[in-house]
Structures are given as C-alpha cells and as structure tokens.
C-alpha atoms as a PDB file:
ATOM      1  CA  UNK A   1     -26.686 -51.948  -9.221  1.00  0.00           C
ATOM      2  CA  UNK A   2     -24.971 -55.185 -10.267  1.00  0.00           C
ATOM      3  CA  UNK A   3     -25.938 -57.079  -7.116  1.00  0.00           C
ATOM      4  CA  UNK A   4     -29.519 -55.853  -7.418  1.00  0.00           C
ATOM      5  CA  UNK A   5     -29.728 -57.232 -10.953  1.00  0.00           C
ATOM      6  CA  UNK A   6     -28.572 -60.629  -9.643  1.00  0.00           C
ATOM      7  CA  UNK A   7     -31.382 -60.760  -7.083  1.00  0.00           C
ATOM      8  CA  UNK A   8     -29.488 -59.417  -4.058  1.00  0.00           C
ATOM      9  CA  UNK A   9     -31.394 -56.194  -3.440  1.00  0.00           C
ATOM     10  CA  UNK A  10     -30.202 -54.893  -0.084  1.00  0.00           C
ATOM     11  CA  UNK A  11     -26.811 -53.497  -1.133  1.00  0.00           C
ATOM     12  CA  UNK A  12     -25.295 -50.069  -1.458  1.00  0.00           C
ATOM     13  CA  UNK A  13     -22.074 -48.186  -0.946  1.00  0.00           C
ATOM     14  CA  UNK A  14     -20.145 -46.537   1.830  1.00  0.00           C
ATOM     15  CA  UNK A  15     -20.811 -42.868   1.110  1.00  0.00           C
ATOM     16  CA  UNK A  16     -17.469 -41.162   0.730  1.00  0.00           C
ATOM     17  CA  UNK A  17     -15.614 -44.447   0.323  1.00  0.00           C
ATOM     18  CA  UNK A  18     -14.249 -46.753   2.996  1.00  0.00           C
ATOM     19  CA  UNK A  19     -10.469 -46.489   2.507  1.00  0.00           C
ATOM     20  CA  UNK A  20      -8.250 -43.467   2.126  1.00  0.00           C
ATOM     21  CA  UNK A  21      -8.672 -39.765   1.660  1.00  0.00           C
ATOM     22  CA  UNK A  22     -10.332 -39.752  -1.762  1.00  0.00           C
ATOM     23  CA  UNK A  23     -13.113 -37.223  -1.325  1.00  0.00           C
ATOM     24  CA  UNK A  24     -13.976 -33.625  -0.594  1.00  0.00           C
ATOM     25  CA  UNK A  25     -17.125 -31.978   0.835  1.00  0.00           C
ATOM     26  CA  UNK A  26     -18.657 -31.338  -2.593  1.00  0.00           C
ATOM     27  CA  UNK A  27     -18.294 -34.970  -3.663  1.00  0.00           C
ATOM     28  CA  UNK A  28     -19.525 -36.155  -0.267  1.00  0.00           C
ATOM     29  CA  UNK A  29     -22.726 -34.176  -0.819  1.00  0.00           C
ATOM     30  CA  UNK A  30     -23.163 -35.586  -4.330  1.00  0.00           C
ATOM     31  CA  UNK A  31     -22.580 -39.146  -3.145  1.00  0.00           C
ATOM     32  CA  UNK A  32     -25.058 -38.587  -0.320  1.00  0.00           C
ATOM     33  CA  UNK A  33     -27.608 -37.415  -2.888  1.00  0.00           C
ATOM     34  CA  UNK A  34     -27.060 -40.647  -4.808  1.00  0.00           C
ATOM     35  CA  UNK A  35     -27.293 -42.617  -1.550  1.00  0.00           C
ATOM     36  CA  UNK A  36     -30.866 -41.350  -1.160  1.00  0.00           C
ATOM     37  CA  UNK A  37     -31.871 -44.038  -3.651  1.00  0.00           C
ATOM     38  CA  UNK A  38     -29.622 -46.908  -2.556  1.00  0.00           C
ATOM     39  CA  UNK A  39     -31.390 -49.766  -0.811  1.00  0.00           C
ATOM     40  CA  UNK A  40     -28.528 -49.634   1.710  1.00  0.00           C
ATOM     41  CA  UNK A  41     -26.569 -46.430   2.320  1.00  0.00           C
ATOM     42  CA  UNK A  42     -24.295 -45.338   5.127  1.00  0.00           C
ATOM     43  CA  UNK A  43     -21.465 -42.971   5.975  1.00  0.00           C
ATOM     44  CA  UNK A  44     -18.764 -45.432   6.928  1.00  0.00           C
ATOM     45  CA  UNK A  45     -14.948 -45.490   6.825  1.00  0.00           C
ATOM     46  CA  UNK A  46     -11.959 -47.320   8.276  1.00  0.00           C
ATOM     47  CA  UNK A  47     -10.091 -45.994  11.312  1.00  0.00           C
ATOM     48  CA  UNK A  48      -7.236 -44.601   9.193  1.00  0.00           C
ATOM     49  CA  UNK A  49      -9.425 -42.438   6.952  1.00  0.00           C
ATOM     50  CA  UNK A  50     -10.662 -38.922   7.668  1.00  0.00           C
ATOM     51  CA  UNK A  51     -14.033 -38.672   9.350  1.00  0.00           C
ATOM     52  CA  UNK A  52     -16.798 -38.318   6.790  1.00  0.00           C
ATOM     53  CA  UNK A  53     -19.943 -37.977   8.889  1.00  0.00           C
ATOM     54  CA  UNK A  54     -22.458 -35.423   7.608  1.00  0.00           C
ATOM     55  CA  UNK A  55     -22.048 -33.150  10.632  1.00  0.00           C
ATOM     56  CA  UNK A  56     -18.306 -32.861   9.911  1.00  0.00           C
ATOM     57  CA  UNK A  57     -18.930 -31.315   6.478  1.00  0.00           C
ATOM     58  CA  UNK A  58     -18.773 -27.536   6.004  1.00  0.00           C
ATOM     59  CA  UNK A  59     -21.733 -25.496   4.788  1.00  0.00           C
ATOM     60  CA  UNK A  60     -23.454 -25.575   2.339  1.00  0.00           C
ATOM     61  CA  UNK A  61     -22.612 -29.281   1.994  1.00  0.00           C
ATOM     62  CA  UNK A  62     -23.872 -30.241   5.456  1.00  0.00           C
ATOM     63  CA  UNK A  63     -27.264 -28.723   4.572  1.00  0.00           C
ATOM     64  CA  UNK A  64     -27.333 -30.551   1.247  1.00  0.00           C
ATOM     65  CA  UNK A  65     -26.606 -33.846   2.997  1.00  0.00           C
ATOM     66  CA  UNK A  66     -29.255 -33.095   5.633  1.00  0.00           C
ATOM     67  CA  UNK A  67     -31.825 -32.481   2.882  1.00  0.00           C
ATOM     68  CA  UNK A  68     -30.924 -35.749   1.164  1.00  0.00           C
ATOM     69  CA  UNK A  69     -31.579 -37.595   4.409  1.00  0.00           C
ATOM     70  CA  UNK A  70     -35.076 -36.114   4.483  1.00  0.00           C
ATOM     71  CA  UNK A  71     -35.490 -37.166   0.844  1.00  0.00           C
ATOM     72  CA  UNK A  72     -34.473 -40.710   1.790  1.00  0.00           C
ATOM     73  CA  UNK A  73     -37.151 -40.857   4.481  1.00  0.00           C
ATOM     74  CA  UNK A  74     -39.648 -39.504   1.978  1.00  0.00           C
ATOM     75  CA  UNK A  75     -38.919 -42.392  -0.415  1.00  0.00           C
ATOM     76  CA  UNK A  76     -38.545 -45.111   2.233  1.00  0.00           C
ATOM     77  CA  UNK A  77     -42.148 -46.356   1.914  1.00  0.00           C
ATOM     78  CA  UNK A  78     -41.687 -46.717  -1.837  1.00  0.00           C
ATOM     79  CA  UNK A  79     -38.382 -48.544  -1.366  1.00  0.00           C
ATOM     80  CA  UNK A  80     -39.725 -50.922   1.302  1.00  0.00           C
ATOM     81  CA  UNK A  81     -42.730 -51.760  -0.846  1.00  0.00           C
ATOM     82  CA  UNK A  82     -40.468 -52.464  -3.811  1.00  0.00           C
ATOM     83  CA  UNK A  83     -38.111 -54.634  -1.726  1.00  0.00           C
ATOM     84  CA  UNK A  84     -41.067 -56.618  -0.357  1.00  0.00           C
ATOM     85  CA  UNK A  85     -42.492 -57.077  -3.844  1.00  0.00           C
ATOM     86  CA  UNK A  86     -39.073 -58.103  -5.142  1.00  0.00           C
ATOM     87  CA  UNK A  87     -38.655 -60.687  -2.365  1.00  0.00           C
ATOM     88  CA  UNK A  88     -41.966 -62.269  -3.384  1.00  0.00           C
ATOM     89  CA  UNK A  89     -41.905 -61.910  -7.166  1.00  0.00           C
ATOM     90  CA  UNK A  90     -38.301 -61.210  -8.192  1.00  0.00           C
ATOM     91  CA  UNK A  91     -37.190 -58.187 -10.173  1.00  0.00           C
ATOM     92  CA  UNK A  92     -35.170 -55.153  -9.235  1.00  0.00           C
ATOM     93  CA  UNK A  93     -35.616 -51.941  -7.257  1.00  0.00           C
ATOM     94  CA  UNK A  94     -32.497 -50.300  -8.665  1.00  0.00           C
ATOM     95  CA  UNK A  95     -31.994 -51.018 -12.343  1.00  0.00           C
ATOM     96  CA  UNK A  96     -30.521 -49.469 -15.490  1.00  0.00           C
ATOM     97  CA  UNK A  97     -32.933 -47.731 -17.848  1.00  0.00           C
ATOM     98  CA  UNK A  98     -32.512 -50.364 -20.543  1.00  0.00           C
ATOM     99  CA  UNK A  99     -34.123 -52.959 -18.214  1.00  0.00           C
ATOM    100  CA  UNK A 100     -37.338 -50.941 -18.251  1.00  0.00           C
ATOM    101  CA  UNK A 101     -37.059 -49.744 -21.865  1.00  0.00           C
ATOM    102  CA  UNK A 102     -35.199 -52.546 -23.733  1.00  0.00           C
ATOM    103  CA  UNK A 103     -36.239 -51.350 -27.213  1.00  0.00           C
ATOM    104  CA  UNK A 104     -34.742 -47.866 -26.845  1.00  0.00           C
ATOM    105  CA  UNK A 105     -31.235 -48.221 -28.303  1.00  0.00           C
ATOM    106  CA  UNK A 106     -30.218 -44.744 -27.045  1.00  0.00           C
ATOM    107  CA  UNK A 107     -30.088 -46.180 -23.522  1.00  0.00           C
ATOM    108  CA  UNK A 108     -27.259 -48.568 -24.343  1.00  0.00           C
ATOM    109  CA  UNK A 109     -24.836 -45.719 -25.116  1.00  0.00           C
ATOM    110  CA  UNK A 110     -24.634 -44.041 -21.698  1.00  0.00           C
ATOM    111  CA  UNK A 111     -26.157 -46.598 -19.377  1.00  0.00           C
ATOM    112  CA  UNK A 112     -24.369 -45.449 -16.208  1.00  0.00           C
ATOM    113  CA  UNK A 113     -25.744 -41.901 -16.107  1.00  0.00           C
ATOM    114  CA  UNK A 114     -29.313 -42.703 -14.965  1.00  0.00           C
ATOM    115  CA  UNK A 115     -31.255 -45.518 -13.358  1.00  0.00           C
ATOM    116  CA  UNK A 116     -34.797 -46.471 -12.391  1.00  0.00           C
ATOM    117  CA  UNK A 117     -35.576 -46.517  -8.676  1.00  0.00           C
ATOM    118  CA  UNK A 118     -38.436 -48.676  -7.365  1.00  0.00           C
ATOM    119  CA  UNK A 119     -39.797 -49.148 -10.885  1.00  0.00           C
ATOM    120  CA  UNK A 120     -41.215 -45.609 -10.871  1.00  0.00           C
ATOM    121  CA  UNK A 121     -38.529 -42.898 -10.650  1.00  0.00           C
ATOM    122  CA  UNK A 122     -35.759 -42.039 -13.110  1.00  0.00           C
ATOM    123  CA  UNK A 123     -32.778 -40.776 -11.116  1.00  0.00           C
ATOM    124  CA  UNK A 124     -29.974 -38.833 -12.806  1.00  0.00           C
ATOM    125  CA  UNK A 125     -27.190 -38.160 -10.288  1.00  0.00           C
ATOM    126  CA  UNK A 126     -24.412 -35.677 -10.918  1.00  0.00           C
ATOM    127  CA  UNK A 127     -21.204 -37.226  -9.598  1.00  0.00           C
ATOM    128  CA  UNK A 128     -18.833 -34.893 -11.424  1.00  0.00           C
ATOM    129  CA  UNK A 129     -16.903 -32.325  -9.468  1.00  0.00           C
ATOM    130  CA  UNK A 130     -17.515 -28.615 -10.203  1.00  0.00           C
ATOM    131  CA  UNK A 131     -20.451 -29.149 -12.589  1.00  0.00           C
ATOM    132  CA  UNK A 132     -23.739 -27.243 -12.390  1.00  0.00           C
ATOM    133  CA  UNK A 133     -25.768 -29.309 -14.859  1.00  0.00           C
ATOM    134  CA  UNK A 134     -25.713 -32.648 -16.661  1.00  0.00           C
ATOM    135  CA  UNK A 135     -27.287 -33.984 -19.839  1.00  0.00           C
ATOM    136  CA  UNK A 136     -30.005 -36.608 -19.411  1.00  0.00           C
ATOM    137  CA  UNK A 137     -31.858 -38.655 -21.989  1.00  0.00           C
ATOM    138  CA  UNK A 138     -35.520 -39.454 -21.364  1.00  0.00           C
ATOM    139  CA  UNK A 139     -36.974 -42.531 -23.085  1.00  0.00           C
ATOM    140  CA  UNK A 140     -40.076 -42.218 -25.217  1.00  0.00           C
ATOM    141  CA  UNK A 141     -43.161 -43.458 -23.381  1.00  0.00           C
ATOM    142  CA  UNK A 142     -46.830 -42.546 -23.466  1.00  0.00           C
ATOM    143  CA  UNK A 143     -46.927 -39.418 -21.358  1.00  0.00           C
ATOM    144  CA  UNK A 144     -44.574 -36.904 -19.807  1.00  0.00           C
ATOM    145  CA  UNK A 145     -41.836 -37.195 -17.190  1.00  0.00           C
ATOM    146  CA  UNK A 146     -42.544 -35.036 -14.107  1.00  0.00           C
ATOM    147  CA  UNK A 147     -39.706 -33.737 -11.959  1.00  0.00           C
ATOM    148  CA  UNK A 148     -40.025 -34.617  -8.278  1.00  0.00           C
ATOM    149  CA  UNK A 149     -37.679 -31.763  -7.380  1.00  0.00           C
ATOM    150  CA  UNK A 150     -39.590 -29.099  -9.313  1.00  0.00           C
ATOM    151  CA  UNK A 151     -43.079 -30.336 -10.246  1.00  0.00           C
ATOM    152  CA  UNK A 152     -43.455 -27.506 -12.786  1.00  0.00           C
ATOM    153  CA  UNK A 153     -40.747 -29.201 -14.860  1.00  0.00           C
ATOM    154  CA  UNK A 154     -42.529 -31.606 -17.228  1.00  0.00           C
ATOM    155  CA  UNK A 155     -40.429 -33.247 -19.937  1.00  0.00           C
ATOM    156  CA  UNK A 156     -41.301 -35.124 -23.113  1.00  0.00           C
ATOM    157  CA  UNK A 157     -39.648 -38.434 -23.932  1.00  0.00           C
ATOM    158  CA  UNK A 158     -37.188 -39.295 -26.703  1.00  0.00           C
ATOM    159  CA  UNK A 159     -35.213 -36.143 -25.888  1.00  0.00           C
ATOM    160  CA  UNK A 160     -32.063 -35.088 -24.080  1.00  0.00           C
ATOM    161  CA  UNK A 161     -32.267 -32.228 -21.584  1.00  0.00           C
ATOM    162  CA  UNK A 162     -29.662 -30.329 -19.603  1.00  0.00           C
ATOM    163  CA  UNK A 163     -30.682 -30.817 -15.943  1.00  0.00           C
ATOM    164  CA  UNK A 164     -29.775 -28.290 -13.262  1.00  0.00           C
ATOM    165  CA  UNK A 165     -27.961 -29.985 -10.371  1.00  0.00           C
ATOM    166  CA  UNK A 166     -27.295 -26.972  -8.151  1.00  0.00           C
ATOM    167  CA  UNK A 167     -30.176 -27.677  -5.748  1.00  0.00           C
ATOM    168  CA  UNK A 168     -30.422 -29.764  -2.626  1.00  0.00           C
ATOM    169  CA  UNK A 169     -31.761 -32.876  -4.365  1.00  0.00           C
ATOM    170  CA  UNK A 170     -30.641 -35.124  -7.204  1.00  0.00           C
ATOM    171  CA  UNK A 171     -32.742 -34.794 -10.374  1.00  0.00           C
ATOM    172  CA  UNK A 172     -35.512 -37.386 -10.109  1.00  0.00           C
ATOM    173  CA  UNK A 173     -38.431 -37.737 -12.497  1.00  0.00           C
ATOM    174  CA  UNK A 174     -41.622 -39.731 -12.110  1.00  0.00           C
ATOM    175  CA  UNK A 175     -42.263 -42.107 -14.994  1.00  0.00           C
ATOM    176  CA  UNK A 176     -45.421 -41.509 -16.993  1.00  0.00           C
ATOM    177  CA  UNK A 177     -48.364 -43.492 -15.645  1.00  0.00           C
ATOM    178  CA  UNK A 178     -46.816 -44.105 -12.204  1.00  0.00           C
ATOM    179  CA  UNK A 179     -48.141 -42.987  -8.838  1.00  0.00           C
ATOM    180  CA  UNK A 180     -46.013 -42.933  -5.694  1.00  0.00           C
ATOM    181  CA  UNK A 181     -46.784 -42.171  -2.069  1.00  0.00           C
ATOM    182  CA  UNK A 182     -44.914 -39.574  -0.043  1.00  0.00           C
END
C-alpha cells in the first residue's frame, strides 16, 4: 500500500513470502485471498524455500485459493480501469480508508485492517490464523455498504460489525453510490 500511495501502483507481495518456511496452508489461503486485490500478486519463492504453488496446498485450501483466482479475474477490469485512470490523473487504486474518508477519526485507530480497492470496494482481509470472524468498522456515508460476497448483507455506516471469514472469499463491500462491472 505504501508504494501505491507514492504513485507507484503496480506493486504487490509474494504470496506466502519469498524466503524461508514461514507459512502454512491456512495462511497461504488467506494471503491468496488478500492477493485478489493487489495490483501485482504472485506465488513466488526462492529455491531454498518449500514450494508454495496453489496446487501443492491440501484441501480445502487449494479450493479456496482457486476461488480467489476466479475472484481476481472478476475484478481485473475494475483494476485495469483504475490503473489507467491513475496513470493519467494520479491517485491510488489501493489506499487506506482514511484517504477516502479523512474526516472520520475512527479510521485512524486501526488503519491496517481494511483498505479501499479501485476507489469502490472496501476490503477487510482476515490474516489471523485460526479465526472465523473479524471486526470491521464501516465509515458513515450516504447510503449502505453492500457485501460482494453475500449481496443480502447490507450494512449501515458508522458502525462496527463482526464479519464472517469462513467462506471462499475475503469480505468485500461496495461503497454507497458506486457501480462496478463484473
């Protein structure tokens, strides 16, 4: 996110880490879910580390990673449009919530737990091992936040909710007043 804020948008992380044996299948799946929203994401490691390709993961984690790859393709048009717009006009495609909502002081307390993707989607990844849900604060805006994982989940702003993270996708919510293409 730091490089994106400095105007270098096409960055990301090596999913699973590049050096050493510092992961497990559950964390690999969670990092892959986060990688869905990175401008640049790959499974990559040095020759001394254990293989971390998606097909080497046991079930159900291989299926979770497979689903996140489909999610990434689903959002690729939105990401490419944002990157093109950013290259012409500046801005960010991957920014902390307080960039979009600078007057909401609640966002300065836990600024690493959520981010805005392509100026339209609030993403709340769960990167904690052995957790089934995570708390997430939703800023107050005119309208409701709609879950892109479960469209029946519609949340009001200026509230904290406990989000279920047991599914195949990271919790992602469409900002009020935004329209995206799938």
